[in-house]
Amino acid sequence: MNTDESMSGRVNVVLSDDLYELVKDLAEAEQRSQSQMTAILVKEALTARGMIPQNKPPTAGTSSSKGRGKKGGDE
């Protein structure tokens, strides 16, 4: 269990030679480390399974509702 909030969780994985080469090649193509690439791929897989909410970027032309509806806020 990770009790230090400044550290990320770590996982050791054994990949087949074919998967290892695919991750290695993709990491090189995107100029990332193999660890970074694997973390991205895991996050994409969990998002695809609906386990992580997809981040939707704000729509252009819409403003934030920050500060609205609060008494005493900046106006």
N, C-alpha and C. Protein backbone atom coordinates (compact mmCIF):
# COMPACT_ATOMS: atom_id res chain seq x y z
N MET A 1 0.85 -1.18 0.00
CA MET A 1 0.00 0.00 0.00
C MET A 1 0.88 1.23 0.00
N ASN A 2 0.47 2.21 -0.77
CA ASN A 2 1.24 3.44 -0.91
C ASN A 2 0.71 4.48 0.07
N THR A 3 1.50 4.81 1.09
CA THR A 3 1.05 5.80 2.07
C THR A 3 1.68 7.16 1.83
N ASP A 4 2.68 7.24 0.96
CA ASP A 4 3.34 8.50 0.63
C ASP A 4 2.66 9.09 -0.59
N GLU A 5 1.91 10.19 -0.41
CA GLU A 5 1.14 10.78 -1.50
C GLU A 5 2.00 11.32 -2.63
N SER A 6 3.30 11.51 -2.41
CA SER A 6 4.16 12.05 -3.45
C SER A 6 4.63 10.97 -4.42
N MET A 7 4.41 9.72 -4.10
CA MET A 7 4.86 8.62 -4.96
C MET A 7 3.67 8.01 -5.69
N SER A 8 3.93 7.50 -6.88
CA SER A 8 2.91 6.80 -7.64
C SER A 8 3.00 5.32 -7.32
N GLY A 9 1.88 4.62 -7.54
CA GLY A 9 1.87 3.18 -7.38
C GLY A 9 2.76 2.54 -8.44
N ARG A 10 3.31 1.43 -8.10
CA ARG A 10 4.18 0.73 -9.04
C ARG A 10 3.70 -0.69 -9.25
N VAL A 11 3.84 -1.17 -10.49
CA VAL A 11 3.45 -2.53 -10.85
C VAL A 11 4.55 -3.11 -11.71
N ASN A 12 4.93 -4.34 -11.42
CA ASN A 12 5.88 -5.05 -12.29
C ASN A 12 5.09 -6.00 -13.16
N VAL A 13 5.39 -6.01 -14.44
CA VAL A 13 4.64 -6.82 -15.40
C VAL A 13 5.61 -7.62 -16.25
N VAL A 14 5.24 -8.85 -16.54
CA VAL A 14 6.00 -9.67 -17.48
C VAL A 14 5.17 -9.77 -18.76
N LEU A 15 5.73 -9.30 -19.87
CA LEU A 15 5.04 -9.31 -21.15
C LEU A 15 5.64 -10.38 -22.06
N SER A 16 4.83 -10.90 -22.95
CA SER A 16 5.37 -11.79 -23.98
C SER A 16 6.32 -10.97 -24.84
N ASP A 17 7.21 -11.65 -25.53
CA ASP A 17 8.17 -10.95 -26.38
C ASP A 17 7.47 -10.06 -27.41
N ASP A 18 6.36 -10.56 -27.97
CA ASP A 18 5.63 -9.78 -28.97
C ASP A 18 5.06 -8.50 -28.39
N LEU A 19 4.42 -8.60 -27.22
CA LEU A 19 3.87 -7.41 -26.58
C LEU A 19 4.97 -6.44 -26.17
N TYR A 20 6.06 -6.97 -25.64
CA TYR A 20 7.18 -6.12 -25.24
C TYR A 20 7.68 -5.30 -26.42
N GLU A 21 7.85 -5.94 -27.56
CA GLU A 21 8.34 -5.24 -28.75
C GLU A 21 7.35 -4.17 -29.21
N LEU A 22 6.06 -4.48 -29.14
CA LEU A 22 5.06 -3.48 -29.53
C LEU A 22 5.11 -2.26 -28.61
N VAL A 23 5.19 -2.49 -27.31
CA VAL A 23 5.27 -1.37 -26.36
C VAL A 23 6.55 -0.59 -26.58
N LYS A 24 7.65 -1.29 -26.76
CA LYS A 24 8.94 -0.64 -26.98
C LYS A 24 8.91 0.22 -28.24
N ASP A 25 8.39 -0.33 -29.33
CA ASP A 25 8.33 0.41 -30.60
C ASP A 25 7.40 1.62 -30.49
N LEU A 26 6.26 1.46 -29.84
CA LEU A 26 5.32 2.56 -29.67
C LEU A 26 5.93 3.66 -28.80
N ALA A 27 6.62 3.26 -27.74
CA ALA A 27 7.27 4.24 -26.86
C ALA A 27 8.33 5.03 -27.63
N GLU A 28 9.10 4.36 -28.42
CA GLU A 28 10.12 5.05 -29.22
C GLU A 28 9.47 6.01 -30.21
N ALA A 29 8.40 5.57 -30.85
CA ALA A 29 7.72 6.41 -31.84
C ALA A 29 7.14 7.67 -31.20
N GLU A 30 6.70 7.57 -29.94
CA GLU A 30 6.11 8.71 -29.25
C GLU A 30 7.11 9.41 -28.33
N GLN A 31 8.35 9.00 -28.42
CA GLN A 31 9.45 9.57 -27.62
C GLN A 31 9.11 9.57 -26.13
N ARG A 32 8.67 8.41 -25.66
CA ARG A 32 8.36 8.21 -24.25
C ARG A 32 9.17 7.03 -23.72
N SER A 33 9.23 6.93 -22.40
CA SER A 33 9.86 5.74 -21.82
C SER A 33 8.86 4.58 -21.95
N GLN A 34 9.36 3.38 -21.84
CA GLN A 34 8.48 2.22 -21.89
C GLN A 34 7.51 2.24 -20.71
N SER A 35 7.96 2.71 -19.58
CA SER A 35 7.11 2.81 -18.39
C SER A 35 5.97 3.79 -18.63
N GLN A 36 6.30 4.97 -19.17
CA GLN A 36 5.26 5.97 -19.46
C GLN A 36 4.26 5.42 -20.48
N MET A 37 4.77 4.74 -21.51
CA MET A 37 3.90 4.21 -22.55
C MET A 37 2.97 3.15 -21.98
N THR A 38 3.50 2.29 -21.12
CA THR A 38 2.68 1.25 -20.51
C THR A 38 1.61 1.85 -19.63
N ALA A 39 1.94 2.90 -18.87
CA ALA A 39 0.95 3.57 -18.02
C ALA A 39 -0.17 4.16 -18.87
N ILE A 40 0.18 4.77 -20.00
CA ILE A 40 -0.82 5.34 -20.90
C ILE A 40 -1.72 4.24 -21.46
N LEU A 41 -1.13 3.13 -21.86
CA LEU A 41 -1.91 2.03 -22.43
C LEU A 41 -2.86 1.42 -21.40
N VAL A 42 -2.40 1.29 -20.16
CA VAL A 42 -3.26 0.76 -19.09
C VAL A 42 -4.42 1.72 -18.84
N LYS A 43 -4.12 3.02 -18.77
CA LYS A 43 -5.17 4.01 -18.54
C LYS A 43 -6.19 3.99 -19.69
N GLU A 44 -5.73 3.88 -20.93
CA GLU A 44 -6.63 3.81 -22.08
C GLU A 44 -7.51 2.57 -22.00
N ALA A 45 -6.94 1.45 -21.59
CA ALA A 45 -7.72 0.21 -21.48
C ALA A 45 -8.77 0.32 -20.38
N LEU A 46 -8.42 0.90 -19.25
CA LEU A 46 -9.38 1.06 -18.15
C LEU A 46 -10.47 2.05 -18.52
N THR A 47 -10.13 3.10 -19.27
CA THR A 47 -11.12 4.06 -19.74
C THR A 47 -12.08 3.38 -20.72
N ALA A 48 -11.54 2.56 -21.61
CA ALA A 48 -12.37 1.85 -22.59
C ALA A 48 -13.34 0.89 -21.91
N ARG A 49 -12.97 0.37 -20.75
CA ARG A 49 -13.85 -0.53 -20.00
C ARG A 49 -14.82 0.23 -19.11
N GLY A 50 -14.75 1.55 -19.14
CA GLY A 50 -15.67 2.36 -18.35
C GLY A 50 -15.29 2.47 -16.89
N MET A 51 -14.06 2.12 -16.56
CA MET A 51 -13.62 2.16 -15.16
C MET A 51 -13.04 3.51 -14.77
N ILE A 52 -12.69 4.32 -15.77
CA ILE A 52 -12.17 5.67 -15.56
C ILE A 52 -13.03 6.60 -16.41
N PRO A 53 -13.62 7.63 -15.81
CA PRO A 53 -14.42 8.56 -16.61
C PRO A 53 -13.56 9.24 -17.67
N GLN A 54 -14.11 9.38 -18.86
CA GLN A 54 -13.38 10.06 -19.93
C GLN A 54 -13.40 11.55 -19.67
N ASN A 55 -12.23 12.17 -19.81
CA ASN A 55 -12.13 13.63 -19.66
C ASN A 55 -12.56 14.28 -20.95
N LYS A 56 -13.59 15.09 -20.85
CA LYS A 56 -14.05 15.81 -22.03
C LYS A 56 -13.55 17.24 -21.93
N PRO A 57 -12.81 17.72 -22.93
CA PRO A 57 -12.32 19.10 -22.89
C PRO A 57 -13.49 20.06 -22.97
N PRO A 58 -13.35 21.24 -22.36
CA PRO A 58 -14.42 22.23 -22.43
C PRO A 58 -14.72 22.61 -23.87
N THR A 59 -15.98 22.82 -24.16
CA THR A 59 -16.39 23.21 -25.50
C THR A 59 -15.97 24.66 -25.74
N ALA A 60 -15.45 24.93 -26.91
CA ALA A 60 -15.02 26.29 -27.24
C ALA A 60 -16.20 27.24 -27.16
N GLY A 61 -15.97 28.40 -26.58
CA GLY A 61 -17.00 29.42 -26.50
C GLY A 61 -17.84 29.35 -25.24
N THR A 62 -17.61 28.32 -24.40
CA THR A 62 -18.34 28.27 -23.15
C THR A 62 -17.45 28.77 -22.05
N SER A 63 -18.06 29.41 -21.08
CA SER A 63 -17.29 29.93 -19.96
C SER A 63 -17.48 29.05 -18.75
N SER A 64 -16.56 29.13 -17.86
CA SER A 64 -16.62 28.37 -16.62
C SER A 64 -17.68 28.95 -15.71
N SER A 65 -18.29 28.11 -14.89
CA SER A 65 -19.30 28.59 -13.95
C SER A 65 -18.66 28.93 -12.61
N LYS A 66 -17.36 28.96 -12.55
CA LYS A 66 -16.64 29.26 -11.31
C LYS A 66 -17.06 30.64 -10.79
N GLY A 67 -17.45 30.66 -9.51
CA GLY A 67 -17.81 31.91 -8.88
C GLY A 67 -19.25 32.31 -9.09
N ARG A 68 -19.99 31.59 -9.92
CA ARG A 68 -21.39 31.94 -10.16
C ARG A 68 -22.26 31.30 -9.10
N GLY A 69 -23.30 32.00 -8.74
CA GLY A 69 -24.26 31.46 -7.80
C GLY A 69 -23.81 31.48 -6.36
N LYS A 70 -22.68 32.11 -6.07
CA LYS A 70 -22.20 32.20 -4.71
C LYS A 70 -22.33 33.63 -4.22
N LYS A 71 -22.84 33.79 -3.01
CA LYS A 71 -22.96 35.12 -2.44
C LYS A 71 -21.57 35.63 -2.04
N GLY A 72 -21.34 36.89 -2.29
CA GLY A 72 -20.07 37.49 -1.89
C GLY A 72 -18.92 37.19 -2.82
N GLY A 73 -19.21 36.57 -3.98
CA GLY A 73 -18.14 36.26 -4.93
C GLY A 73 -17.74 37.46 -5.72
N ASP A 74 -16.68 37.34 -6.49
CA ASP A 74 -16.23 38.45 -7.32
C ASP A 74 -17.26 38.70 -8.40
N GLU A 75 -17.63 39.94 -8.60
CA GLU A 75 -18.61 40.28 -9.64
C GLU A 75 -18.10 41.36 -10.51
